Amino acid sequence: MGDILWIFAVIILSVSETWSLAPGTNQSIFDNSSTTPDPKVDVVINLTFNLGADVNLTCSDKKWNGTMYVIWKIQKSNCEIGFINPGNGTDSCHDGKSLKNTNSSQPYLHIPNFSTYDSGVYKCEWVYSGGIENYVINVAIRVPPTVSIKLDKIDKKMMAVCTAERGKPAANISWSYPGNQFVKTTVDTEGFSTVLSYFEIPKGMDLKNLSCIVTHHNWSHEVILGELPIKGKNFLWLYITICVVIVFLGGIVFIAQKKLVILRQCGQSDTSSAKSTPTEDVEEVEPYASYVQRVNSIYNSSADFCSKKNPAHASHAHP
């Protein structure tokens, strides 16, 4: 029994020496500048999570009470999240990730609202009272694609095009009708795949019988797209719209012409009225002229009467 205790003490001392700081330096176990090679990898795990999920990563089945320290290294963001018993730790990520545990159970790395940014390689080093465990966890993300279907004319051929856009991993596309078809897949810089499946439509084919079937790892069932948008119907609505606009504009032009004709007629009547005005003026002037003549005749008669009655005055008035 004494030999076992002695061996256990030696192990504890050897582990504690790895925590000690070198003389004259401030380097700790969380210092990324250490040239010490990575410890031997014991376990490699591949995990995939859905977009927006809350993710919990564990790298050991040990409990908190037996843990000396845990350190997670996130390769993509080049940061670390660590824990030293009884509660001291570090976090150079500052992006919402955290070390958690529930009721002194197994600790885990919590990643809220999982996104493409959180995918990548996670390295975990776990030191406990009985030894060291090292894990490498490759974390991938599942993103459902956006699907659509349309008709297109390519090289003088009518094609049905089914698209599964920006999915991760790539979606699978098939058609409900056998025929001439081909697939194009592209991957963008973020690792998202866009799949386009082309189906050549035979002459006389009823499009109601054609549908596109899309499957993806993120879905529990397949997605079926049918009811292809027929361009002829679109053109019909376009023609109807154009006809309505033409009729509307024609009505406006017709009303404008009617208004113009009425205005011209009014202008002609005003002109004829203007031409008849001098005659009315002459008719109005004639009574005035006769009145003046009458007044003059009365004045002359009065003058003659006065001259006869007062000859001396008349002689002075007419030398």
C-alpha atoms as a PDB file:
ATOM      1  CA  MET A   1       0.000   0.000   0.000  1.00  0.00           C
ATOM      2  CA  GLY A   2       2.859   2.376   0.819  1.00  0.00           C
ATOM      3  CA  ASP A   3       4.457   1.692  -2.570  1.00  0.00           C
ATOM      4  CA  ILE A   4       1.229   2.664  -4.344  1.00  0.00           C
ATOM      5  CA  LEU A   5       0.968   5.939  -2.463  1.00  0.00           C
ATOM      6  CA  TRP A   6       4.599   6.685  -3.264  1.00  0.00           C
ATOM      7  CA  ILE A   7       4.058   6.110  -6.977  1.00  0.00           C
ATOM      8  CA  PHE A   8       0.932   8.312  -6.918  1.00  0.00           C
ATOM      9  CA  ALA A   9       2.906  11.137  -5.229  1.00  0.00           C
ATOM     10  CA  VAL A  10       5.636  10.916  -7.871  1.00  0.00           C
ATOM     11  CA  ILE A  11       3.032  11.234 -10.633  1.00  0.00           C
ATOM     12  CA  ILE A  12       1.466  14.268  -8.983  1.00  0.00           C
ATOM     13  CA  LEU A  13       4.871  15.923  -8.599  1.00  0.00           C
ATOM     14  CA  SER A  14       5.795  15.264 -12.213  1.00  0.00           C
ATOM     15  CA  VAL A  15       2.515  16.788 -13.407  1.00  0.00           C
ATOM     16  CA  SER A  16       2.877  19.798 -11.124  1.00  0.00           C
ATOM     17  CA  GLU A  17       6.318  20.458 -12.585  1.00  0.00           C
ATOM     18  CA  THR A  18       4.785  20.957 -15.997  1.00  0.00           C
ATOM     19  CA  TRP A  19       2.689  23.810 -14.556  1.00  0.00           C
ATOM     20  CA  SER A  20       5.620  25.615 -12.967  1.00  0.00           C
ATOM     21  CA  LEU A  21       6.871  28.805 -14.554  1.00  0.00           C
ATOM     22  CA  ALA A  22      10.404  28.979 -15.951  1.00  0.00           C
ATOM     23  CA  PRO A  23      12.756  31.299 -13.972  1.00  0.00           C
ATOM     24  CA  GLY A  24      12.722  34.887 -15.149  1.00  0.00           C
ATOM     25  CA  THR A  25       9.701  34.426 -17.471  1.00  0.00           C
ATOM     26  CA  ASN A  26       5.944  34.970 -17.300  1.00  0.00           C
ATOM     27  CA  GLN A  27       5.003  32.126 -19.672  1.00  0.00           C
ATOM     28  CA  SER A  28       1.971  30.042 -18.677  1.00  0.00           C
ATOM     29  CA  ILE A  29       0.312  26.929 -19.995  1.00  0.00           C
ATOM     30  CA  PHE A  30      -1.981  29.096 -22.141  1.00  0.00           C
ATOM     31  CA  ASP A  31       0.840  30.916 -23.916  1.00  0.00           C
ATOM     32  CA  ASN A  32       0.592  30.295 -27.687  1.00  0.00           C
ATOM     33  CA  SER A  33       4.241  31.275 -28.170  1.00  0.00           C
ATOM     34  CA  SER A  34       5.443  28.058 -26.571  1.00  0.00           C
ATOM     35  CA  THR A  35       7.651  25.993 -28.848  1.00  0.00           C
ATOM     36  CA  THR A  36       6.683  22.788 -27.092  1.00  0.00           C
ATOM     37  CA  PRO A  37       5.221  20.396 -29.688  1.00  0.00           C
ATOM     38  CA  ASP A  38       1.575  19.411 -29.413  1.00  0.00           C
ATOM     39  CA  PRO A  39       0.959  16.406 -27.200  1.00  0.00           C
ATOM     40  CA  LYS A  40       0.244  13.091 -28.813  1.00  0.00           C
ATOM     41  CA  VAL A  41      -3.268  12.876 -30.266  1.00  0.00           C
ATOM     42  CA  ASP A  42      -5.285  10.118 -28.676  1.00  0.00           C
ATOM     43  CA  VAL A  43      -8.726  10.566 -30.273  1.00  0.00           C
ATOM     44  CA  VAL A  44      -9.990  12.101 -33.542  1.00  0.00           C
ATOM     45  CA  ILE A  45     -13.720  12.865 -33.818  1.00  0.00           C
ATOM     46  CA  ASN A  46     -15.754  14.161 -36.781  1.00  0.00           C
ATOM     47  CA  LEU A  47     -18.987  15.968 -35.951  1.00  0.00           C
ATOM     48  CA  THR A  48     -21.584  17.827 -38.028  1.00  0.00           C
ATOM     49  CA  PHE A  49     -24.193  20.277 -36.731  1.00  0.00           C
ATOM     50  CA  ASN A  50     -27.082  22.158 -38.261  1.00  0.00           C
ATOM     51  CA  LEU A  51     -26.981  25.873 -38.885  1.00  0.00           C
ATOM     52  CA  GLY A  52     -28.268  27.828 -35.852  1.00  0.00           C
ATOM     53  CA  ALA A  53     -28.019  24.910 -33.390  1.00  0.00           C
ATOM     54  CA  ASP A  54     -26.629  25.199 -29.848  1.00  0.00           C
ATOM     55  CA  VAL A  55     -23.566  22.938 -29.789  1.00  0.00           C
ATOM     56  CA  ASN A  56     -21.853  21.305 -26.793  1.00  0.00           C
ATOM     57  CA  LEU A  57     -18.422  19.744 -27.358  1.00  0.00           C
ATOM     58  CA  THR A  58     -16.812  17.338 -24.888  1.00  0.00           C
ATOM     59  CA  CYS A  59     -13.401  15.750 -25.078  1.00  0.00           C
ATOM     60  CA  SER A  60     -13.500  13.449 -22.042  1.00  0.00           C
ATOM     61  CA  ASP A  61     -15.922  11.563 -19.851  1.00  0.00           C
ATOM     62  CA  LYS A  62     -14.214  12.755 -16.663  1.00  0.00           C
ATOM     63  CA  LYS A  63     -16.014  14.862 -14.055  1.00  0.00           C
ATOM     64  CA  TRP A  64     -15.123  18.333 -12.781  1.00  0.00           C
ATOM     65  CA  ASN A  65     -14.001  16.991  -9.409  1.00  0.00           C
ATOM     66  CA  GLY A  66     -11.208  14.995 -11.054  1.00  0.00           C
ATOM     67  CA  THR A  67     -10.099  17.684 -13.502  1.00  0.00           C
ATOM     68  CA  MET A  68      -6.905  19.715 -13.067  1.00  0.00           C
ATOM     69  CA  TYR A  69      -7.177  21.798 -16.224  1.00  0.00           C
ATOM     70  CA  VAL A  70      -8.883  21.814 -19.645  1.00  0.00           C
ATOM     71  CA  ILE A  71      -7.796  23.865 -22.620  1.00  0.00           C
ATOM     72  CA  TRP A  72      -9.538  24.200 -25.988  1.00  0.00           C
ATOM     73  CA  LYS A  73      -7.643  25.521 -29.006  1.00  0.00           C
ATOM     74  CA  ILE A  74      -9.786  26.749 -31.917  1.00  0.00           C
ATOM     75  CA  GLN A  75      -7.744  26.633 -35.094  1.00  0.00           C
ATOM     76  CA  LYS A  76      -9.807  28.900 -37.354  1.00  0.00           C
ATOM     77  CA  SER A  77      -9.901  31.863 -34.977  1.00  0.00           C
ATOM     78  CA  ASN A  78      -6.488  31.063 -33.431  1.00  0.00           C
ATOM     79  CA  CYS A  79      -7.739  31.458 -29.879  1.00  0.00           C
ATOM     80  CA  GLU A  80      -7.998  29.452 -26.639  1.00  0.00           C
ATOM     81  CA  ILE A  81     -10.536  28.844 -23.904  1.00  0.00           C
ATOM     82  CA  GLY A  82      -9.159  27.190 -20.780  1.00  0.00           C
ATOM     83  CA  PHE A  83     -10.041  26.235 -17.224  1.00  0.00           C
ATOM     84  CA  ILE A  84      -7.805  25.648 -14.194  1.00  0.00           C
ATOM     85  CA  ASN A  85      -9.238  24.129 -11.056  1.00  0.00           C
ATOM     86  CA  PRO A  86     -10.690  25.626  -8.789  1.00  0.00           C
ATOM     87  CA  GLY A  87     -12.020  28.257 -11.198  1.00  0.00           C
ATOM     88  CA  ASN A  88      -9.247  30.258 -12.802  1.00  0.00           C
ATOM     89  CA  GLY A  89      -9.327  30.307 -16.591  1.00  0.00           C
ATOM     90  CA  THR A  90      -8.679  32.223 -19.771  1.00  0.00           C
ATOM     91  CA  ASP A  91     -10.630  33.185 -22.878  1.00  0.00           C
ATOM     92  CA  SER A  92      -8.936  34.801 -25.867  1.00  0.00           C
ATOM     93  CA  CYS A  93     -11.826  34.093 -28.255  1.00  0.00           C
ATOM     94  CA  HIS A  94     -14.471  36.519 -26.921  1.00  0.00           C
ATOM     95  CA  ASP A  95     -17.050  35.279 -29.443  1.00  0.00           C
ATOM     96  CA  GLY A  96     -19.697  33.695 -27.219  1.00  0.00           C
ATOM     97  CA  LYS A  97     -18.049  30.310 -26.657  1.00  0.00           C
ATOM     98  CA  SER A  98     -17.656  29.220 -23.031  1.00  0.00           C
ATOM     99  CA  LEU A  99     -16.789  26.277 -20.791  1.00  0.00           C
ATOM    100  CA  LYS A 100     -19.790  25.021 -18.843  1.00  0.00           C
ATOM    101  CA  ASN A 101     -20.958  22.141 -16.691  1.00  0.00           C
ATOM    102  CA  THR A 102     -24.227  21.064 -15.089  1.00  0.00           C
ATOM    103  CA  ASN A 103     -24.424  19.901 -11.468  1.00  0.00           C
ATOM    104  CA  SER A 104     -20.694  19.081 -11.268  1.00  0.00           C
ATOM    105  CA  SER A 105     -21.042  16.738 -14.240  1.00  0.00           C
ATOM    106  CA  GLN A 106     -18.893  16.421 -17.312  1.00  0.00           C
ATOM    107  CA  PRO A 107     -17.669  19.840 -18.519  1.00  0.00           C
ATOM    108  CA  TYR A 108     -18.204  20.914 -22.132  1.00  0.00           C
ATOM    109  CA  LEU A 109     -17.474  23.712 -24.579  1.00  0.00           C
ATOM    110  CA  HIS A 110     -20.700  25.558 -25.394  1.00  0.00           C
ATOM    111  CA  ILE A 111     -21.134  27.157 -28.862  1.00  0.00           C
ATOM    112  CA  PRO A 112     -24.413  29.108 -29.198  1.00  0.00           C
ATOM    113  CA  ASN A 113     -26.151  29.662 -32.556  1.00  0.00           C
ATOM    114  CA  PHE A 114     -23.726  27.562 -34.587  1.00  0.00           C
ATOM    115  CA  SER A 115     -22.655  29.203 -37.859  1.00  0.00           C
ATOM    116  CA  THR A 116     -20.131  28.757 -40.642  1.00  0.00           C
ATOM    117  CA  TYR A 117     -17.681  30.839 -38.607  1.00  0.00           C
ATOM    118  CA  ASP A 118     -17.733  28.187 -35.863  1.00  0.00           C
ATOM    119  CA  SER A 119     -16.859  25.254 -38.127  1.00  0.00           C
ATOM    120  CA  GLY A 120     -13.283  23.966 -38.215  1.00  0.00           C
ATOM    121  CA  VAL A 121     -10.770  22.080 -36.054  1.00  0.00           C
ATOM    122  CA  TYR A 122     -11.028  22.082 -32.252  1.00  0.00           C
ATOM    123  CA  LYS A 123      -8.185  20.656 -30.173  1.00  0.00           C
ATOM    124  CA  CYS A 124      -8.794  19.732 -26.565  1.00  0.00           C
ATOM    125  CA  GLU A 125      -6.220  18.889 -23.882  1.00  0.00           C
ATOM    126  CA  TRP A 126      -7.645  17.449 -20.678  1.00  0.00           C
ATOM    127  CA  VAL A 127      -5.481  16.895 -17.610  1.00  0.00           C
ATOM    128  CA  TYR A 128      -7.034  15.073 -14.693  1.00  0.00           C
ATOM    129  CA  SER A 129      -5.791  13.288 -11.594  1.00  0.00           C
ATOM    130  CA  GLY A 130      -5.213  10.059 -13.534  1.00  0.00           C
ATOM    131  CA  GLY A 131      -3.506  11.350 -16.684  1.00  0.00           C
ATOM    132  CA  ILE A 132      -3.913  13.403 -19.884  1.00  0.00           C
ATOM    133  CA  GLU A 133      -6.300  13.005 -22.793  1.00  0.00           C
ATOM    134  CA  ASN A 134      -5.979  14.782 -26.142  1.00  0.00           C
ATOM    135  CA  TYR A 135      -8.752  15.136 -28.703  1.00  0.00           C
ATOM    136  CA  VAL A 136      -8.995  16.597 -32.200  1.00  0.00           C
ATOM    137  CA  ILE A 137     -12.604  17.333 -33.178  1.00  0.00           C
ATOM    138  CA  ASN A 138     -13.382  18.247 -36.782  1.00  0.00           C
ATOM    139  CA  VAL A 139     -16.602  20.243 -36.665  1.00  0.00           C
ATOM    140  CA  ALA A 140     -18.610  20.738 -39.877  1.00  0.00           C
ATOM    141  CA  ILE A 141     -21.852  22.541 -40.564  1.00  0.00           C
ATOM    142  CA  ARG A 142     -24.998  21.435 -42.395  1.00  0.00           C
ATOM    143  CA  VAL A 143     -26.823  24.171 -44.296  1.00  0.00           C
ATOM    144  CA  PRO A 144     -30.002  23.441 -46.280  1.00  0.00           C
ATOM    145  CA  PRO A 145     -29.997  24.823 -49.826  1.00  0.00           C
ATOM    146  CA  THR A 146     -32.461  27.225 -51.394  1.00  0.00           C
ATOM    147  CA  VAL A 147     -34.325  25.375 -54.145  1.00  0.00           C
ATOM    148  CA  SER A 148     -36.092  26.637 -57.262  1.00  0.00           C
ATOM    149  CA  ILE A 149     -37.228  25.464 -60.685  1.00  0.00           C
ATOM    150  CA  LYS A 150     -37.634  27.326 -63.984  1.00  0.00           C
ATOM    151  CA  LEU A 151     -37.767  27.003 -67.755  1.00  0.00           C
ATOM    152  CA  ASP A 152     -34.913  28.237 -69.898  1.00  0.00           C
ATOM    153  CA  LYS A 153     -33.861  28.062 -73.533  1.00  0.00           C
ATOM    154  CA  ILE A 154     -30.287  26.840 -74.006  1.00  0.00           C
ATOM    155  CA  ASP A 155     -28.759  26.225 -77.448  1.00  0.00           C
ATOM    156  CA  LYS A 156     -32.218  26.450 -79.030  1.00  0.00           C
ATOM    157  CA  LYS A 157     -33.473  23.717 -76.690  1.00  0.00           C
ATOM    158  CA  MET A 158     -36.145  24.149 -74.040  1.00  0.00           C
ATOM    159  CA  MET A 159     -34.687  23.078 -70.677  1.00  0.00           C
ATOM    160  CA  ALA A 160     -36.109  22.659 -67.202  1.00  0.00           C
ATOM    161  CA  VAL A 161     -33.551  23.889 -64.656  1.00  0.00           C
ATOM    162  CA  CYS A 162     -33.690  22.755 -61.015  1.00  0.00           C
ATOM    163  CA  THR A 163     -31.390  24.664 -58.620  1.00  0.00           C
ATOM    164  CA  ALA A 164     -30.246  23.843 -55.073  1.00  0.00           C
ATOM    165  CA  GLU A 165     -28.304  26.944 -54.066  1.00  0.00           C
ATOM    166  CA  ARG A 166     -25.700  27.406 -51.291  1.00  0.00           C
ATOM    167  CA  GLY A 167     -26.103  24.114 -49.495  1.00  0.00           C
ATOM    168  CA  LYS A 168     -23.562  22.362 -47.321  1.00  0.00           C
ATOM    169  CA  PRO A 169     -22.951  19.617 -48.206  1.00  0.00           C
ATOM    170  CA  ALA A 170     -24.165  19.591 -51.792  1.00  0.00           C
ATOM    171  CA  ALA A 171     -27.741  18.492 -52.455  1.00  0.00           C
ATOM    172  CA  ASN A 172     -28.782  15.646 -54.738  1.00  0.00           C
ATOM    173  CA  ILE A 173     -31.209  16.352 -57.602  1.00  0.00           C
ATOM    174  CA  SER A 174     -33.218  13.909 -59.706  1.00  0.00           C
ATOM    175  CA  TRP A 175     -36.196  14.121 -62.090  1.00  0.00           C
ATOM    176  CA  SER A 176     -39.507  12.299 -62.097  1.00  0.00           C
ATOM    177  CA  TYR A 177     -39.239  11.632 -65.845  1.00  0.00           C
ATOM    178  CA  PRO A 178     -36.370   9.820 -67.624  1.00  0.00           C
ATOM    179  CA  GLY A 179     -34.648  11.794 -70.330  1.00  0.00           C
ATOM    180  CA  ASN A 180     -31.616  13.781 -71.418  1.00  0.00           C
ATOM    181  CA  GLN A 181     -30.210  15.586 -68.365  1.00  0.00           C
ATOM    182  CA  PHE A 182     -26.925  16.813 -66.899  1.00  0.00           C
ATOM    183  CA  VAL A 183     -25.701  18.406 -63.649  1.00  0.00           C
ATOM    184  CA  LYS A 184     -23.352  21.305 -62.851  1.00  0.00           C
ATOM    185  CA  THR A 185     -21.948  21.858 -59.336  1.00  0.00           C
ATOM    186  CA  THR A 186     -20.023  24.901 -58.129  1.00  0.00           C
ATOM    187  CA  VAL A 187     -18.424  25.587 -54.729  1.00  0.00           C
ATOM    188  CA  ASP A 188     -17.879  29.152 -53.493  1.00  0.00           C
ATOM    189  CA  THR A 189     -15.098  30.474 -51.283  1.00  0.00           C
ATOM    190  CA  GLU A 190     -17.075  29.700 -48.104  1.00  0.00           C
ATOM    191  CA  GLY A 191     -17.509  26.055 -49.039  1.00  0.00           C
ATOM    192  CA  PHE A 192     -21.191  26.296 -50.026  1.00  0.00           C
ATOM    193  CA  SER A 193     -22.275  24.210 -53.024  1.00  0.00           C
ATOM    194  CA  THR A 194     -24.741  25.189 -55.731  1.00  0.00           C
ATOM    195  CA  VAL A 195     -26.140  22.369 -57.845  1.00  0.00           C
ATOM    196  CA  LEU A 196     -27.940  22.965 -61.150  1.00  0.00           C
ATOM    197  CA  SER A 197     -29.671  20.063 -62.885  1.00  0.00           C
ATOM    198  CA  TYR A 198     -30.779  20.522 -66.509  1.00  0.00           C
ATOM    199  CA  PHE A 199     -33.522  18.453 -68.133  1.00  0.00           C
ATOM    200  CA  GLU A 200     -34.182  18.658 -71.879  1.00  0.00           C
ATOM    201  CA  ILE A 201     -37.918  18.797 -72.495  1.00  0.00           C
ATOM    202  CA  PRO A 202     -39.079  16.602 -75.383  1.00  0.00           C
ATOM    203  CA  LYS A 203     -41.503  18.059 -77.920  1.00  0.00           C
ATOM    204  CA  GLY A 204     -45.122  17.618 -76.975  1.00  0.00           C
ATOM    205  CA  MET A 205     -44.369  16.727 -73.363  1.00  0.00           C
ATOM    206  CA  ASP A 206     -46.966  17.679 -70.776  1.00  0.00           C
ATOM    207  CA  LEU A 207     -45.057  19.713 -68.183  1.00  0.00           C
ATOM    208  CA  LYS A 208     -47.555  18.736 -65.491  1.00  0.00           C
ATOM    209  CA  ASN A 209     -45.907  15.297 -65.430  1.00  0.00           C
ATOM    210  CA  LEU A 210     -42.425  16.712 -64.781  1.00  0.00           C
ATOM    211  CA  SER A 211     -41.084  17.451 -61.290  1.00  0.00           C
ATOM    212  CA  CYS A 212     -37.703  17.930 -59.631  1.00  0.00           C
ATOM    213  CA  ILE A 213     -36.756  15.920 -56.515  1.00  0.00           C
ATOM    214  CA  VAL A 214     -34.149  17.420 -54.136  1.00  0.00           C
ATOM    215  CA  THR A 215     -32.623  15.592 -51.153  1.00  0.00           C
ATOM    216  CA  HIS A 216     -30.240  16.937 -48.523  1.00  0.00           C
ATOM    217  CA  HIS A 217     -28.637  15.673 -45.317  1.00  0.00           C
ATOM    218  CA  ASN A 218     -30.332  18.436 -43.370  1.00  0.00           C
ATOM    219  CA  TRP A 219     -33.819  17.266 -44.365  1.00  0.00           C
ATOM    220  CA  SER A 220     -35.704  14.249 -43.097  1.00  0.00           C
ATOM    221  CA  HIS A 221     -37.669  14.037 -46.363  1.00  0.00           C
ATOM    222  CA  GLU A 222     -37.212  14.946 -50.010  1.00  0.00           C
ATOM    223  CA  VAL A 223     -38.440  18.195 -51.537  1.00  0.00           C
ATOM    224  CA  ILE A 224     -40.431  17.920 -54.762  1.00  0.00           C
ATOM    225  CA  LEU A 225     -40.738  20.902 -57.091  1.00  0.00           C
ATOM    226  CA  GLY A 226     -43.315  20.900 -59.886  1.00  0.00           C
ATOM    227  CA  GLU A 227     -45.665  23.273 -61.681  1.00  0.00           C
ATOM    228  CA  LEU A 228     -43.033  24.738 -63.940  1.00  0.00           C
ATOM    229  CA  PRO A 229     -43.647  28.412 -64.751  1.00  0.00           C
ATOM    230  CA  ILE A 230     -44.720  28.330 -68.422  1.00  0.00           C
ATOM    231  CA  LYS A 231     -43.329  31.246 -70.337  1.00  0.00           C
ATOM    232  CA  GLY A 232     -46.315  31.222 -72.719  1.00  0.00           C
ATOM    233  CA  LYS A 233     -48.580  32.101 -69.795  1.00  0.00           C
ATOM    234  CA  ASN A 234     -46.248  34.868 -68.787  1.00  0.00           C
ATOM    235  CA  PHE A 235     -46.286  36.201 -72.329  1.00  0.00           C
ATOM    236  CA  LEU A 236     -50.103  36.056 -72.372  1.00  0.00           C
ATOM    237  CA  TRP A 237     -50.297  38.210 -69.276  1.00  0.00           C
ATOM    238  CA  LEU A 238     -47.758  40.539 -70.855  1.00  0.00           C
ATOM    239  CA  TYR A 239     -49.870  40.852 -73.993  1.00  0.00           C
ATOM    240  CA  ILE A 240     -53.006  41.512 -71.939  1.00  0.00           C
ATOM    241  CA  THR A 241     -51.197  44.197 -69.967  1.00  0.00           C
ATOM    242  CA  ILE A 242     -49.908  45.851 -73.139  1.00  0.00           C
ATOM    243  CA  CYS A 243     -53.397  45.815 -74.668  1.00  0.00           C
ATOM    244  CA  VAL A 244     -54.911  47.409 -71.576  1.00  0.00           C
ATOM    245  CA  VAL A 245     -52.271  50.133 -71.614  1.00  0.00           C
ATOM    246  CA  ILE A 246     -52.829  50.788 -75.328  1.00  0.00           C
ATOM    247  CA  VAL A 247     -56.599  51.039 -74.847  1.00  0.00           C
ATOM    248  CA  PHE A 248     -56.115  53.394 -71.908  1.00  0.00           C
ATOM    249  CA  LEU A 249     -53.738  55.639 -73.837  1.00  0.00           C
ATOM    250  CA  GLY A 250     -56.065  55.540 -76.868  1.00  0.00           C
ATOM    251  CA  GLY A 251     -58.944  56.711 -74.683  1.00  0.00           C
ATOM    252  CA  ILE A 252     -56.869  59.599 -73.384  1.00  0.00           C
ATOM    253  CA  VAL A 253     -55.892  60.622 -76.941  1.00  0.00           C
ATOM    254  CA  PHE A 254     -59.542  60.390 -78.094  1.00  0.00           C
ATOM    255  CA  ILE A 255     -60.752  62.587 -75.249  1.00  0.00           C
ATOM    256  CA  ALA A 256     -57.940  65.075 -75.914  1.00  0.00           C
ATOM    257  CA  GLN A 257     -58.922  65.320 -79.587  1.00  0.00           C
ATOM    258  CA  LYS A 258     -62.555  65.917 -78.640  1.00  0.00           C
ATOM    259  CA  LYS A 259     -61.500  68.694 -76.296  1.00  0.00           C
ATOM    260  CA  LEU A 260     -59.347  70.236 -79.022  1.00  0.00           C
ATOM    261  CA  VAL A 261     -62.212  70.219 -81.530  1.00  0.00           C
ATOM    262  CA  ILE A 262     -64.486  71.916 -78.998  1.00  0.00           C
ATOM    263  CA  LEU A 263     -61.859  74.557 -78.273  1.00  0.00           C
ATOM    264  CA  ARG A 264     -61.397  75.239 -81.985  1.00  0.00           C
ATOM    265  CA  GLN A 265     -65.146  75.657 -82.450  1.00  0.00           C
ATOM    266  CA  CYS A 266     -65.231  78.094 -79.555  1.00  0.00           C
ATOM    267  CA  GLY A 267     -62.361  80.032 -81.124  1.00  0.00           C
ATOM    268  CA  GLN A 268     -64.152  80.285 -84.464  1.00  0.00           C
ATOM    269  CA  SER A 269     -67.339  81.576 -82.807  1.00  0.00           C
ATOM    270  CA  ASP A 270     -65.325  84.209 -80.942  1.00  0.00           C
ATOM    271  CA  THR A 271     -63.750  85.311 -84.230  1.00  0.00           C
ATOM    272  CA  SER A 272     -67.122  85.697 -85.959  1.00  0.00           C
ATOM    273  CA  SER A 273     -68.396  87.720 -83.017  1.00  0.00           C
ATOM    274  CA  ALA A 274     -65.383  89.968 -83.233  1.00  0.00           C
ATOM    275  CA  LYS A 275     -66.013  90.609 -86.924  1.00  0.00           C
ATOM    276  CA  SER A 276     -69.666  91.637 -86.346  1.00  0.00           C
ATOM    277  CA  THR A 277     -68.790  94.187 -83.668  1.00  0.00           C
ATOM    278  CA  PRO A 278     -68.040  97.251 -85.982  1.00  0.00           C
ATOM    279  CA  THR A 279     -71.559  97.080 -87.515  1.00  0.00           C
ATOM    280  CA  GLU A 280     -73.041  97.281 -84.071  1.00  0.00           C
ATOM    281  CA  ASP A 281     -70.783 100.222 -83.321  1.00  0.00           C
ATOM    282  CA  VAL A 282     -71.978 102.024 -86.437  1.00  0.00           C
ATOM    283  CA  GLU A 283     -75.546 101.364 -85.448  1.00  0.00           C
ATOM    284  CA  GLU A 284     -74.837 102.711 -82.018  1.00  0.00           C
ATOM    285  CA  VAL A 285     -73.052 105.819 -83.443  1.00  0.00           C
ATOM    286  CA  GLU A 286     -75.850 106.787 -85.855  1.00  0.00           C
ATOM    287  CA  PRO A 287     -78.352 107.896 -83.127  1.00  0.00           C
ATOM    288  CA  TYR A 288     -75.631 109.958 -81.530  1.00  0.00           C
ATOM    289  CA  ALA A 289     -74.867 111.679 -84.846  1.00  0.00           C
ATOM    290  CA  SER A 290     -78.543 112.533 -85.461  1.00  0.00           C
ATOM    291  CA  TYR A 291     -78.760 113.868 -81.923  1.00  0.00           C
ATOM    292  CA  VAL A 292     -75.789 116.145 -82.501  1.00  0.00           C
ATOM    293  CA  GLN A 293     -77.333 117.421 -85.750  1.00  0.00           C
ATOM    294  CA  ARG A 294     -80.582 118.203 -83.952  1.00  0.00           C
ATOM    295  CA  VAL A 295     -78.780 120.043 -81.184  1.00  0.00           C
ATOM    296  CA  ASN A 296     -76.856 122.060 -83.732  1.00  0.00           C
ATOM    297  CA  SER A 297     -79.997 122.954 -85.600  1.00  0.00           C
ATOM    298  CA  ILE A 298     -81.668 124.069 -82.397  1.00  0.00           C
ATOM    299  CA  TYR A 299     -78.611 126.118 -81.499  1.00  0.00           C
ATOM    300  CA  ASN A 300     -78.594 127.797 -84.907  1.00  0.00           C
ATOM    301  CA  SER A 301     -82.285 128.592 -84.624  1.00  0.00           C
ATOM    302  CA  SER A 302     -81.776 130.156 -81.243  1.00  0.00           C
ATOM    303  CA  ALA A 303     -78.926 132.236 -82.537  1.00  0.00           C
ATOM    304  CA  ASP A 304     -80.935 133.524 -85.436  1.00  0.00           C
ATOM    305  CA  PHE A 305     -83.797 134.436 -83.132  1.00  0.00           C
ATOM    306  CA  CYS A 306     -81.523 136.367 -80.821  1.00  0.00           C
ATOM    307  CA  SER A 307     -79.887 138.274 -83.652  1.00  0.00           C
ATOM    308  CA  LYS A 308     -83.168 139.385 -84.964  1.00  0.00           C
ATOM    309  CA  LYS A 309     -84.288 140.588 -81.580  1.00  0.00           C
ATOM    310  CA  ASN A 310     -81.035 142.445 -80.768  1.00  0.00           C
ATOM    311  CA  PRO A 311     -79.560 143.865 -83.958  1.00  0.00           C
ATOM    312  CA  ALA A 312     -76.851 145.898 -82.206  1.00  0.00           C
ATOM    313  CA  HIS A 313     -75.461 142.887 -80.547  1.00  0.00           C
ATOM    314  CA  ALA A 314     -75.593 141.009 -83.764  1.00  0.00           C
ATOM    315  CA  SER A 315     -73.634 143.771 -85.489  1.00  0.00           C
ATOM    316  CA  HIS A 316     -70.989 143.624 -82.877  1.00  0.00           C
ATOM    317  CA  ALA A 317     -70.902 139.920 -83.067  1.00  0.00           C
ATOM    318  CA  HIS A 318     -70.557 140.033 -86.905  1.00  0.00           C
ATOM    319  CA  PRO A 319     -68.507 143.037 -87.980  1.00  0.00           C
END
